[in-house]
Amino acid sequence: MTDGLPEMTSLERTALYKSLGNPLRRRILEYLGRHGEANSTVLARELGESSGTTSYHLRKLAEQRLIEEIPEKSGGRERWWRALPFRHTTPDPATMTPDEYAAATQLAHLKIEFDTDLYRRAHQEYRGPDGWAQVQRHGTWMTREELHDFTRAYQALLDRYGHPRDRAPAGARPVLMRYYAVPEAAEENDGEPAGP
């Protein structure tokens, strides 16, 4: 589900996953996330592409409501763009069409590579509990309901302490965070989670 938007169809989700899995579109979104705004000429220069190519991909990202034009800066053929707030939860794979599942899987593999690099960076840049890089690993016992409550509380904490780029206070930096919760493999004999 995307915040504030109608539920997406399978075709829309498939197109979204393919878009997010496109390396150039990902780089465009990352640039807009860091710098706030850009036009096709700026992106072409910064990303080493032609302005025709970046313009095409900007239009495609706009069609999927991932970015929007900045009307007050755009004029004539020069169009400026900014990223839109976006949150999406991937549905149960069992409910996906084969095309949607294939696109989601390809995107997941790209994310795993990126997140693995982030994990390494977090360890390399860790300077103690007062530094910018933070690393924590935990294990505990929870019911499924408690895990769902915890996940909702985690999202509420991000909403409470995080800021959109245009409203971030002085001294704020972009921070990349990841949250995974995976139960241990069940014991074959009783189906219960393995002990510590």
Protein backbone atom coordinates (compact mmCIF):
# COMPACT_ATOMS: atom_id res chain seq x y z
CA MET A 1 0.00 0.00 0.00
CA THR A 2 1.21 3.52 -0.73
CA ASP A 3 0.42 6.26 1.76
CA GLY A 4 -2.49 8.46 0.73
CA LEU A 5 -3.00 6.62 -2.57
CA PRO A 6 -5.58 4.05 -3.68
CA GLU A 7 -4.59 0.39 -3.46
CA MET A 8 -2.41 -0.50 -6.44
CA THR A 9 -3.37 -3.17 -8.95
CA SER A 10 -1.05 -6.05 -9.76
CA LEU A 11 -0.16 -4.40 -13.09
CA GLU A 12 0.67 -1.12 -11.32
CA ARG A 13 2.82 -2.92 -8.75
CA THR A 14 4.63 -4.84 -11.49
CA ALA A 15 5.42 -1.58 -13.31
CA LEU A 16 6.55 -0.04 -10.01
CA TYR A 17 8.95 -2.89 -9.22
CA LYS A 18 10.39 -2.76 -12.73
CA SER A 19 10.84 0.98 -12.42
CA LEU A 20 12.55 0.76 -9.05
CA GLY A 21 14.73 -2.04 -10.41
CA ASN A 22 15.93 0.11 -13.33
CA PRO A 23 19.46 1.26 -12.40
CA LEU A 24 19.15 4.72 -13.97
CA ARG A 25 15.75 5.41 -12.41
CA ARG A 26 17.14 4.38 -9.03
CA ARG A 27 20.05 6.80 -9.49
CA ILE A 28 17.63 9.58 -10.47
CA LEU A 29 15.53 8.96 -7.35
CA GLU A 30 18.66 8.85 -5.18
CA TYR A 31 19.88 12.14 -6.67
CA LEU A 32 16.52 13.83 -6.08
CA GLY A 33 16.46 12.43 -2.55
CA ARG A 34 19.87 13.94 -1.79
CA HIS A 35 19.58 17.23 -3.66
CA GLY A 36 15.86 17.93 -3.56
CA GLU A 37 15.31 18.91 -7.18
CA ALA A 38 16.78 18.68 -10.67
CA ASN A 39 15.94 18.92 -14.34
CA SER A 40 16.93 16.54 -17.13
CA THR A 41 20.02 18.61 -18.02
CA VAL A 42 21.37 18.57 -14.46
CA LEU A 43 20.73 14.84 -14.14
CA ALA A 44 22.36 14.15 -17.52
CA ARG A 45 25.49 15.98 -16.42
CA GLU A 46 25.62 14.42 -12.96
CA LEU A 47 24.76 10.87 -14.02
CA GLY A 48 26.67 10.77 -17.31
CA GLU A 49 23.63 10.30 -19.54
CA SER A 50 22.00 12.26 -22.36
CA SER A 51 19.30 14.77 -21.41
CA GLY A 52 16.90 12.94 -23.73
CA THR A 53 17.42 9.74 -21.72
CA THR A 54 17.01 11.41 -18.34
CA SER A 55 13.94 13.29 -19.59
CA TYR A 56 12.31 10.01 -20.68
CA HIS A 57 12.94 8.36 -17.32
CA LEU A 58 11.74 11.43 -15.42
CA ARG A 59 8.42 11.25 -17.27
CA LYS A 60 8.09 7.54 -16.44
CA LEU A 61 8.81 8.18 -12.76
CA ALA A 62 6.20 10.95 -12.77
CA GLU A 63 3.60 8.60 -14.29
CA GLN A 64 4.11 6.32 -11.28
CA ARG A 65 3.76 9.20 -8.81
CA LEU A 66 7.32 8.76 -7.55
CA ILE A 67 8.25 12.33 -8.55
CA GLU A 68 6.37 15.50 -9.49
CA GLU A 69 7.07 18.57 -11.55
CA ILE A 70 7.88 21.81 -9.73
CA PRO A 71 5.53 24.25 -11.51
CA GLU A 72 7.08 27.44 -10.12
CA LYS A 73 10.51 26.49 -11.52
CA SER A 74 9.41 24.94 -14.80
CA GLY A 75 8.95 26.94 -17.97
CA GLY A 76 8.97 26.18 -21.69
CA ARG A 77 10.91 22.98 -22.29
CA GLU A 78 12.77 23.19 -18.98
CA ARG A 79 10.99 21.10 -16.39
CA TRP A 80 12.20 20.75 -12.81
CA TRP A 81 11.32 17.74 -10.66
CA ARG A 82 11.26 16.67 -7.02
CA ALA A 83 10.71 13.30 -5.36
CA LEU A 84 7.37 12.60 -3.69
CA PRO A 85 7.01 10.94 -0.27
CA PHE A 86 6.57 7.24 -0.86
CA ARG A 87 5.92 4.16 1.26
CA HIS A 88 4.97 0.77 -0.08
CA THR A 89 4.42 -2.64 1.49
CA THR A 90 4.88 -5.58 -0.86
CA PRO A 91 1.88 -7.94 -0.71
CA ASP A 92 1.98 -11.65 0.11
CA PRO A 93 3.90 -13.35 -2.74
CA ALA A 94 1.17 -16.02 -2.87
CA THR A 95 -1.26 -13.35 -4.12
CA MET A 96 1.01 -12.06 -6.90
CA THR A 97 0.80 -12.84 -10.59
CA PRO A 98 3.91 -14.54 -12.06
CA ASP A 99 5.01 -11.27 -13.75
CA GLU A 100 4.58 -9.28 -10.54
CA TYR A 101 6.47 -11.90 -8.52
CA ALA A 102 9.35 -11.97 -11.03
CA ALA A 103 9.64 -8.15 -10.97
CA ALA A 104 9.48 -8.06 -7.15
CA THR A 105 12.13 -10.79 -6.90
CA GLN A 106 14.50 -8.97 -9.24
CA LEU A 107 14.05 -5.77 -7.23
CA ALA A 108 14.62 -7.66 -3.96
CA HIS A 109 17.94 -9.01 -5.26
CA LEU A 110 19.11 -5.48 -6.09
CA LYS A 111 18.07 -4.31 -2.62
CA ILE A 112 19.97 -7.17 -0.97
CA GLU A 113 23.18 -6.14 -2.75
CA PHE A 114 22.71 -2.51 -1.72
CA ASP A 115 21.78 -3.42 1.87
CA THR A 116 24.78 -5.73 2.19
CA ASP A 117 27.04 -2.79 1.34
CA LEU A 118 25.19 -0.66 3.92
CA TYR A 119 25.76 -3.34 6.56
CA ARG A 120 29.49 -3.35 5.84
CA ARG A 121 29.61 0.46 5.90
CA ALA A 122 27.76 0.59 9.22
CA HIS A 123 30.41 -1.66 10.79
CA GLN A 124 33.32 0.18 9.18
CA GLU A 125 32.00 3.60 10.20
CA TYR A 126 30.88 2.65 13.71
CA ARG A 127 32.56 4.98 16.25
CA GLY A 128 30.70 3.97 19.38
CA PRO A 129 27.20 4.74 20.68
CA ASP A 130 27.59 8.50 20.12
CA GLY A 131 28.57 8.27 16.44
CA TRP A 132 26.41 8.63 13.33
CA ALA A 133 26.68 4.94 12.36
CA GLN A 134 24.73 2.64 14.67
CA VAL A 135 24.71 -1.16 14.66
CA GLN A 136 22.42 -3.33 16.77
CA ARG A 137 21.39 -6.98 16.57
CA HIS A 138 18.81 -8.57 18.83
CA GLY A 139 16.97 -11.82 19.39
CA THR A 140 13.85 -12.39 21.49
CA TRP A 141 10.60 -14.35 21.66
CA MET A 142 7.36 -12.81 20.35
CA THR A 143 3.93 -13.91 19.24
CA ARG A 144 2.94 -12.95 15.70
CA GLU A 145 0.60 -10.29 17.07
CA GLU A 146 3.41 -8.82 19.20
CA LEU A 147 5.71 -8.78 16.19
CA HIS A 148 3.09 -6.90 14.16
CA ASP A 149 2.59 -4.43 17.03
CA PHE A 150 6.37 -3.95 17.24
CA THR A 151 6.61 -3.31 13.49
CA ARG A 152 3.85 -0.67 13.69
CA ALA A 153 5.60 0.94 16.68
CA TYR A 154 8.90 0.97 14.74
CA GLN A 155 7.20 2.80 11.88
CA ALA A 156 5.63 5.24 14.34
CA LEU A 157 9.10 6.00 15.75
CA LEU A 158 10.42 6.72 12.26
CA ASP A 159 7.47 9.03 11.65
CA ARG A 160 8.08 10.76 15.00
CA TYR A 161 11.83 11.33 14.66
CA GLY A 162 12.30 11.50 10.89
CA HIS A 163 11.79 14.56 8.70
CA PRO A 164 11.07 15.18 5.03
CA ARG A 165 14.09 16.74 3.35
CA ASP A 166 12.45 20.15 3.04
CA ARG A 167 11.59 20.28 6.77
CA ALA A 168 14.74 18.74 8.25
CA PRO A 169 16.32 20.79 11.07
CA ALA A 170 19.85 22.20 10.90
CA GLY A 171 22.45 19.49 11.33
CA ALA A 172 20.20 16.70 10.01
CA ARG A 173 21.71 14.22 7.56
CA PRO A 174 20.06 11.59 5.36
CA VAL A 175 20.09 8.34 7.36
CA LEU A 176 19.54 4.95 5.73
CA MET A 177 17.79 2.48 8.04
CA ARG A 178 16.71 -1.11 7.50
CA TYR A 179 14.43 -3.31 9.60
CA TYR A 180 14.21 -7.08 9.27
CA ALA A 181 12.45 -9.53 11.57
CA VAL A 182 12.76 -13.23 10.76
CA PRO A 183 11.72 -16.11 13.05
CA GLU A 184 14.26 -18.85 13.55
CA ALA A 185 13.65 -22.02 11.58
CA ALA A 186 11.09 -24.26 13.27
CA GLU A 187 12.21 -27.51 14.85
CA GLU A 188 11.14 -30.42 12.69
CA ASN A 189 9.67 -32.36 15.61
CA ASP A 190 7.40 -29.76 17.22
CA GLY A 191 7.09 -26.77 14.88
CA GLU A 192 8.23 -24.42 17.67
CA PRO A 193 10.99 -21.86 17.17
CA ALA A 194 14.46 -23.06 18.02
CA GLY A 195 15.76 -21.98 21.42
CA PRO A 196 18.62 -19.54 21.95
